[in-house]
Amino acid sequence: MAEPMEPMTHPAQEPVLIGSGNVFADLDLPNPDEMVVKAKLAVAIQGTIETRGLTQRRAAELMGIDQPKVSKIIRGRLGEFSTEWLLTRILRLGLDIDIVVHTESTAEDRLGAINVACI
């Protein structure tokens, strides 16, 4: 879970806020951890489309959706899409997804975290 922002001051300047690492939490939006995951998945989709030189229309065909949904993904308009739905689009682009659950954590007093890495 993201820590709240802490103000820092610099002489003769306005306070500077140090972010928690999750802009959605810093903006006090609902479900910030899920929003970060969805954003990272959308970045993976967008990067794949760009790397392959796909048009939005061709990407839509490959992902089994219409072109306006591809546009929404690329523009970060992810509210109507679930994490599972985005994962399915990634699979339809022919990408592999690895899910690793780290079972050796001894911290019982914190929530776990979901990390997305595109390699």
N, C-alpha and C. Protein backbone atom coordinates (compact mmCIF):
# COMPACT_ATOMS: atom_id res chain seq x y z
N MET A 1 0.84 -1.17 0.00
CA MET A 1 0.00 0.00 0.00
C MET A 1 0.89 1.24 0.00
N ALA A 2 0.53 2.23 -0.72
CA ALA A 2 1.33 3.43 -0.85
C ALA A 2 1.26 4.27 0.42
N GLU A 3 2.39 4.86 0.77
CA GLU A 3 2.47 5.76 1.92
C GLU A 3 1.99 7.14 1.49
N PRO A 4 1.35 7.90 2.39
CA PRO A 4 0.90 9.25 2.02
C PRO A 4 2.09 10.17 1.75
N MET A 5 1.82 11.20 0.97
CA MET A 5 2.86 12.15 0.61
C MET A 5 3.27 12.96 1.84
N GLU A 6 4.56 13.33 1.89
CA GLU A 6 5.07 14.17 2.97
C GLU A 6 5.61 15.45 2.35
N PRO A 7 5.23 16.61 2.93
CA PRO A 7 5.75 17.87 2.38
C PRO A 7 7.21 18.07 2.75
N MET A 8 7.95 18.63 1.82
CA MET A 8 9.34 19.03 2.06
C MET A 8 9.42 20.52 1.77
N THR A 9 10.25 21.22 2.47
CA THR A 9 10.40 22.64 2.19
C THR A 9 11.82 22.92 1.77
N HIS A 10 11.95 23.90 0.94
CA HIS A 10 13.24 24.38 0.48
C HIS A 10 13.25 25.87 0.76
N PRO A 11 14.34 26.43 1.22
CA PRO A 11 14.37 27.85 1.53
C PRO A 11 13.84 28.71 0.38
N ALA A 12 12.95 29.62 0.73
CA ALA A 12 12.41 30.61 -0.22
C ALA A 12 11.60 29.98 -1.34
N GLN A 13 11.12 28.77 -1.17
CA GLN A 13 10.30 28.15 -2.20
C GLN A 13 9.06 27.55 -1.56
N GLU A 14 8.09 27.27 -2.38
CA GLU A 14 6.89 26.59 -1.93
C GLU A 14 7.24 25.18 -1.50
N PRO A 15 6.47 24.59 -0.60
CA PRO A 15 6.73 23.20 -0.22
C PRO A 15 6.63 22.27 -1.43
N VAL A 16 7.47 21.28 -1.42
CA VAL A 16 7.47 20.27 -2.48
C VAL A 16 6.94 18.98 -1.86
N LEU A 17 5.98 18.36 -2.52
CA LEU A 17 5.44 17.10 -2.02
C LEU A 17 6.17 15.94 -2.65
N ILE A 18 6.62 15.02 -1.84
CA ILE A 18 7.28 13.82 -2.32
C ILE A 18 6.20 12.77 -2.51
N GLY A 19 6.08 12.26 -3.71
CA GLY A 19 5.05 11.27 -4.01
C GLY A 19 5.33 9.93 -3.37
N SER A 20 4.27 9.15 -3.27
CA SER A 20 4.36 7.83 -2.65
C SER A 20 4.86 6.78 -3.63
N GLY A 21 4.91 7.11 -4.91
CA GLY A 21 5.23 6.13 -5.94
C GLY A 21 3.98 5.65 -6.67
N ASN A 22 2.82 6.05 -6.16
CA ASN A 22 1.56 5.71 -6.82
C ASN A 22 0.77 7.01 -6.97
N VAL A 23 0.79 7.56 -8.17
CA VAL A 23 0.13 8.83 -8.43
C VAL A 23 -1.36 8.76 -8.14
N PHE A 24 -1.97 7.60 -8.35
CA PHE A 24 -3.40 7.46 -8.10
C PHE A 24 -3.71 7.55 -6.61
N ALA A 25 -2.84 6.99 -5.77
CA ALA A 25 -2.99 7.13 -4.31
C ALA A 25 -2.74 8.57 -3.90
N ASP A 26 -1.72 9.20 -4.49
CA ASP A 26 -1.41 10.58 -4.16
C ASP A 26 -2.59 11.51 -4.48
N LEU A 27 -3.34 11.17 -5.50
CA LEU A 27 -4.52 11.96 -5.88
C LEU A 27 -5.77 11.52 -5.13
N ASP A 28 -5.60 10.55 -4.23
CA ASP A 28 -6.69 10.03 -3.40
C ASP A 28 -7.83 9.45 -4.23
N LEU A 29 -7.47 8.76 -5.31
CA LEU A 29 -8.47 8.11 -6.16
C LEU A 29 -8.80 6.73 -5.59
N PRO A 30 -9.99 6.23 -5.87
CA PRO A 30 -10.35 4.90 -5.37
C PRO A 30 -9.56 3.80 -6.07
N ASN A 31 -9.26 2.73 -5.35
CA ASN A 31 -8.54 1.57 -5.89
C ASN A 31 -7.23 1.94 -6.58
N PRO A 32 -6.37 2.69 -5.93
CA PRO A 32 -5.15 3.15 -6.60
C PRO A 32 -4.20 2.03 -7.00
N ASP A 33 -4.13 0.95 -6.22
CA ASP A 33 -3.23 -0.15 -6.57
C ASP A 33 -3.69 -0.83 -7.86
N GLU A 34 -4.99 -1.04 -7.98
CA GLU A 34 -5.53 -1.64 -9.20
C GLU A 34 -5.32 -0.71 -10.40
N MET A 35 -5.47 0.58 -10.18
CA MET A 35 -5.29 1.53 -11.27
C MET A 35 -3.86 1.51 -11.80
N VAL A 36 -2.88 1.35 -10.91
CA VAL A 36 -1.48 1.27 -11.35
C VAL A 36 -1.27 0.02 -12.20
N VAL A 37 -1.82 -1.11 -11.76
CA VAL A 37 -1.67 -2.35 -12.51
C VAL A 37 -2.29 -2.19 -13.90
N LYS A 38 -3.49 -1.67 -13.96
CA LYS A 38 -4.16 -1.48 -15.26
C LYS A 38 -3.37 -0.55 -16.16
N ALA A 39 -2.81 0.51 -15.59
CA ALA A 39 -2.01 1.45 -16.38
C ALA A 39 -0.78 0.76 -16.96
N LYS A 40 -0.13 -0.06 -16.16
CA LYS A 40 1.07 -0.76 -16.64
C LYS A 40 0.71 -1.78 -17.72
N LEU A 41 -0.43 -2.44 -17.57
CA LEU A 41 -0.87 -3.37 -18.61
C LEU A 41 -1.18 -2.62 -19.90
N ALA A 42 -1.80 -1.46 -19.79
CA ALA A 42 -2.09 -0.65 -20.97
C ALA A 42 -0.81 -0.19 -21.65
N VAL A 43 0.20 0.14 -20.87
CA VAL A 43 1.50 0.53 -21.44
C VAL A 43 2.10 -0.64 -22.21
N ALA A 44 1.96 -1.85 -21.69
CA ALA A 44 2.48 -3.04 -22.39
C ALA A 44 1.76 -3.23 -23.71
N ILE A 45 0.45 -3.03 -23.71
CA ILE A 45 -0.33 -3.16 -24.95
C ILE A 45 0.10 -2.09 -25.95
N GLN A 46 0.17 -0.85 -25.49
CA GLN A 46 0.56 0.25 -26.36
C GLN A 46 1.96 0.03 -26.93
N GLY A 47 2.88 -0.39 -26.08
CA GLY A 47 4.25 -0.64 -26.54
C GLY A 47 4.32 -1.72 -27.59
N THR A 48 3.52 -2.76 -27.41
CA THR A 48 3.49 -3.86 -28.39
C THR A 48 2.94 -3.36 -29.72
N ILE A 49 1.89 -2.58 -29.66
CA ILE A 49 1.30 -2.02 -30.89
C ILE A 49 2.33 -1.17 -31.62
N GLU A 50 3.04 -0.32 -30.89
CA GLU A 50 4.04 0.54 -31.51
C GLU A 50 5.22 -0.26 -32.05
N THR A 51 5.72 -1.19 -31.24
CA THR A 51 6.88 -1.99 -31.66
C THR A 51 6.59 -2.78 -32.93
N ARG A 52 5.39 -3.32 -33.02
CA ARG A 52 5.02 -4.12 -34.19
C ARG A 52 4.55 -3.27 -35.35
N GLY A 53 4.39 -1.97 -35.15
CA GLY A 53 3.92 -1.09 -36.21
C GLY A 53 2.48 -1.36 -36.60
N LEU A 54 1.67 -1.77 -35.64
CA LEU A 54 0.28 -2.09 -35.92
C LEU A 54 -0.58 -0.84 -35.97
N THR A 55 -1.53 -0.84 -36.84
CA THR A 55 -2.55 0.20 -36.78
C THR A 55 -3.51 -0.16 -35.65
N GLN A 56 -4.27 0.82 -35.20
CA GLN A 56 -5.25 0.52 -34.17
C GLN A 56 -6.28 -0.49 -34.68
N ARG A 57 -6.60 -0.41 -35.94
CA ARG A 57 -7.56 -1.35 -36.53
C ARG A 57 -7.02 -2.78 -36.50
N ARG A 58 -5.77 -2.96 -36.89
CA ARG A 58 -5.17 -4.31 -36.89
C ARG A 58 -5.00 -4.81 -35.47
N ALA A 59 -4.59 -3.94 -34.56
CA ALA A 59 -4.47 -4.34 -33.16
C ALA A 59 -5.82 -4.79 -32.61
N ALA A 60 -6.87 -4.07 -32.97
CA ALA A 60 -8.21 -4.44 -32.53
C ALA A 60 -8.59 -5.83 -33.04
N GLU A 61 -8.28 -6.11 -34.29
CA GLU A 61 -8.57 -7.43 -34.85
C GLU A 61 -7.84 -8.52 -34.06
N LEU A 62 -6.57 -8.30 -33.80
CA LEU A 62 -5.79 -9.29 -33.06
C LEU A 62 -6.33 -9.50 -31.65
N MET A 63 -6.76 -8.42 -31.00
CA MET A 63 -7.22 -8.51 -29.62
C MET A 63 -8.70 -8.88 -29.51
N GLY A 64 -9.40 -8.96 -30.64
CA GLY A 64 -10.81 -9.35 -30.61
C GLY A 64 -11.74 -8.26 -30.08
N ILE A 65 -11.37 -7.00 -30.36
CA ILE A 65 -12.18 -5.88 -29.91
C ILE A 65 -12.35 -4.90 -31.06
N ASP A 66 -13.10 -3.82 -30.83
CA ASP A 66 -13.22 -2.80 -31.87
C ASP A 66 -12.15 -1.72 -31.69
N GLN A 67 -11.93 -0.95 -32.75
CA GLN A 67 -10.87 0.06 -32.75
C GLN A 67 -11.06 1.12 -31.66
N PRO A 68 -12.28 1.58 -31.37
CA PRO A 68 -12.41 2.57 -30.30
C PRO A 68 -11.90 2.10 -28.94
N LYS A 69 -12.01 0.80 -28.67
CA LYS A 69 -11.46 0.28 -27.41
C LYS A 69 -9.94 0.34 -27.41
N VAL A 70 -9.32 0.10 -28.55
CA VAL A 70 -7.86 0.23 -28.65
C VAL A 70 -7.47 1.68 -28.37
N SER A 71 -8.21 2.61 -28.93
CA SER A 71 -7.94 4.02 -28.70
C SER A 71 -8.05 4.35 -27.21
N LYS A 72 -9.05 3.83 -26.54
CA LYS A 72 -9.20 4.08 -25.11
C LYS A 72 -8.02 3.52 -24.32
N ILE A 73 -7.57 2.34 -24.68
CA ILE A 73 -6.42 1.74 -23.98
C ILE A 73 -5.19 2.63 -24.17
N ILE A 74 -4.94 3.04 -25.38
CA ILE A 74 -3.76 3.86 -25.69
C ILE A 74 -3.83 5.21 -24.98
N ARG A 75 -5.02 5.77 -24.85
CA ARG A 75 -5.17 7.07 -24.19
C ARG A 75 -5.30 6.96 -22.68
N GLY A 76 -5.26 5.72 -22.15
CA GLY A 76 -5.33 5.53 -20.71
C GLY A 76 -6.72 5.67 -20.13
N ARG A 77 -7.72 5.56 -20.95
CA ARG A 77 -9.12 5.60 -20.50
C ARG A 77 -9.54 4.19 -20.14
N LEU A 78 -9.16 3.74 -18.95
CA LEU A 78 -9.25 2.33 -18.59
C LEU A 78 -10.40 1.99 -17.65
N GLY A 79 -11.23 2.95 -17.32
CA GLY A 79 -12.29 2.75 -16.34
C GLY A 79 -13.24 1.60 -16.64
N GLU A 80 -13.52 1.37 -17.89
CA GLU A 80 -14.48 0.32 -18.24
C GLU A 80 -13.84 -1.06 -18.39
N PHE A 81 -12.51 -1.13 -18.26
CA PHE A 81 -11.81 -2.39 -18.47
C PHE A 81 -11.31 -2.96 -17.15
N SER A 82 -11.50 -4.25 -16.96
CA SER A 82 -10.97 -4.91 -15.77
C SER A 82 -9.53 -5.36 -16.03
N THR A 83 -8.84 -5.66 -14.96
CA THR A 83 -7.49 -6.19 -15.08
C THR A 83 -7.51 -7.49 -15.89
N GLU A 84 -8.46 -8.35 -15.60
CA GLU A 84 -8.56 -9.63 -16.33
C GLU A 84 -8.79 -9.39 -17.81
N TRP A 85 -9.63 -8.43 -18.15
CA TRP A 85 -9.92 -8.13 -19.55
C TRP A 85 -8.65 -7.66 -20.26
N LEU A 86 -7.87 -6.80 -19.61
CA LEU A 86 -6.62 -6.32 -20.20
C LEU A 86 -5.62 -7.47 -20.36
N LEU A 87 -5.55 -8.36 -19.38
CA LEU A 87 -4.67 -9.52 -19.49
C LEU A 87 -5.05 -10.38 -20.70
N THR A 88 -6.34 -10.54 -20.92
CA THR A 88 -6.80 -11.32 -22.08
C THR A 88 -6.38 -10.64 -23.38
N ARG A 89 -6.43 -9.33 -23.45
CA ARG A 89 -5.99 -8.61 -24.67
C ARG A 89 -4.50 -8.85 -24.90
N ILE A 90 -3.73 -8.87 -23.82
CA ILE A 90 -2.29 -9.12 -23.94
C ILE A 90 -2.04 -10.51 -24.49
N LEU A 91 -2.77 -11.49 -23.99
CA LEU A 91 -2.63 -12.86 -24.50
C LEU A 91 -2.99 -12.93 -25.98
N ARG A 92 -4.01 -12.22 -26.39
CA ARG A 92 -4.43 -12.25 -27.80
C ARG A 92 -3.43 -11.57 -28.71
N LEU A 93 -2.59 -10.73 -28.14
CA LEU A 93 -1.48 -10.15 -28.92
C LEU A 93 -0.32 -11.12 -29.04
N GLY A 94 -0.45 -12.29 -28.44
CA GLY A 94 0.59 -13.31 -28.53
C GLY A 94 1.68 -13.16 -27.49
N LEU A 95 1.45 -12.34 -26.47
CA LEU A 95 2.43 -12.15 -25.42
C LEU A 95 2.18 -13.14 -24.29
N ASP A 96 3.24 -13.50 -23.59
CA ASP A 96 3.12 -14.40 -22.45
C ASP A 96 2.99 -13.58 -21.17
N ILE A 97 2.28 -14.13 -20.22
CA ILE A 97 2.11 -13.51 -18.91
C ILE A 97 2.58 -14.50 -17.87
N ASP A 98 3.47 -14.07 -16.99
CA ASP A 98 3.92 -14.89 -15.87
C ASP A 98 3.37 -14.28 -14.59
N ILE A 99 2.75 -15.09 -13.77
CA ILE A 99 2.28 -14.64 -12.47
C ILE A 99 3.07 -15.40 -11.42
N VAL A 100 3.74 -14.66 -10.56
CA VAL A 100 4.57 -15.26 -9.51
C VAL A 100 4.03 -14.79 -8.17
N VAL A 101 3.71 -15.73 -7.30
CA VAL A 101 3.28 -15.41 -5.95
C VAL A 101 4.44 -15.68 -5.01
N HIS A 102 4.90 -14.66 -4.34
CA HIS A 102 6.02 -14.80 -3.40
C HIS A 102 5.45 -15.25 -2.06
N THR A 103 5.73 -16.48 -1.67
CA THR A 103 5.14 -17.05 -0.47
C THR A 103 6.04 -16.96 0.76
N GLU A 104 7.19 -16.35 0.63
CA GLU A 104 8.13 -16.31 1.75
C GLU A 104 8.06 -15.01 2.55
N SER A 105 7.07 -14.19 2.32
CA SER A 105 6.93 -12.95 3.07
C SER A 105 6.55 -13.26 4.51
N THR A 106 7.18 -12.57 5.44
CA THR A 106 6.87 -12.76 6.85
C THR A 106 6.06 -11.60 7.41
N ALA A 107 5.77 -10.63 6.58
CA ALA A 107 5.03 -9.46 7.04
C ALA A 107 3.54 -9.77 7.09
N GLU A 108 3.03 -9.95 8.28
CA GLU A 108 1.61 -10.25 8.43
C GLU A 108 0.77 -8.98 8.58
N ASP A 109 1.42 -7.86 8.80
CA ASP A 109 0.69 -6.63 9.08
C ASP A 109 0.59 -5.68 7.88
N ARG A 110 0.81 -6.21 6.67
CA ARG A 110 0.69 -5.36 5.49
C ARG A 110 -0.03 -6.11 4.38
N LEU A 111 -0.60 -5.36 3.49
CA LEU A 111 -1.20 -5.96 2.31
C LEU A 111 -0.10 -6.30 1.31
N GLY A 112 -0.34 -7.30 0.52
CA GLY A 112 0.61 -7.64 -0.54
C GLY A 112 0.54 -6.60 -1.65
N ALA A 113 1.41 -6.71 -2.63
CA ALA A 113 1.47 -5.78 -3.73
C ALA A 113 1.48 -6.53 -5.04
N ILE A 114 0.95 -5.92 -6.06
CA ILE A 114 1.01 -6.47 -7.41
C ILE A 114 1.97 -5.60 -8.20
N ASN A 115 2.95 -6.23 -8.82
CA ASN A 115 3.93 -5.52 -9.64
C ASN A 115 3.81 -6.02 -11.08
N VAL A 116 3.91 -5.13 -12.03
CA VAL A 116 3.87 -5.48 -13.43
C VAL A 116 5.18 -5.04 -14.05
N ALA A 117 5.86 -5.97 -14.69
CA ALA A 117 7.12 -5.66 -15.38
C ALA A 117 7.02 -6.17 -16.80
N CYS A 118 7.35 -5.34 -17.75
CA CYS A 118 7.33 -5.73 -19.16
C CYS A 118 8.76 -5.91 -19.61
N ILE A 119 9.07 -7.14 -20.03
CA ILE A 119 10.43 -7.43 -20.46
C ILE A 119 10.45 -7.96 -21.88
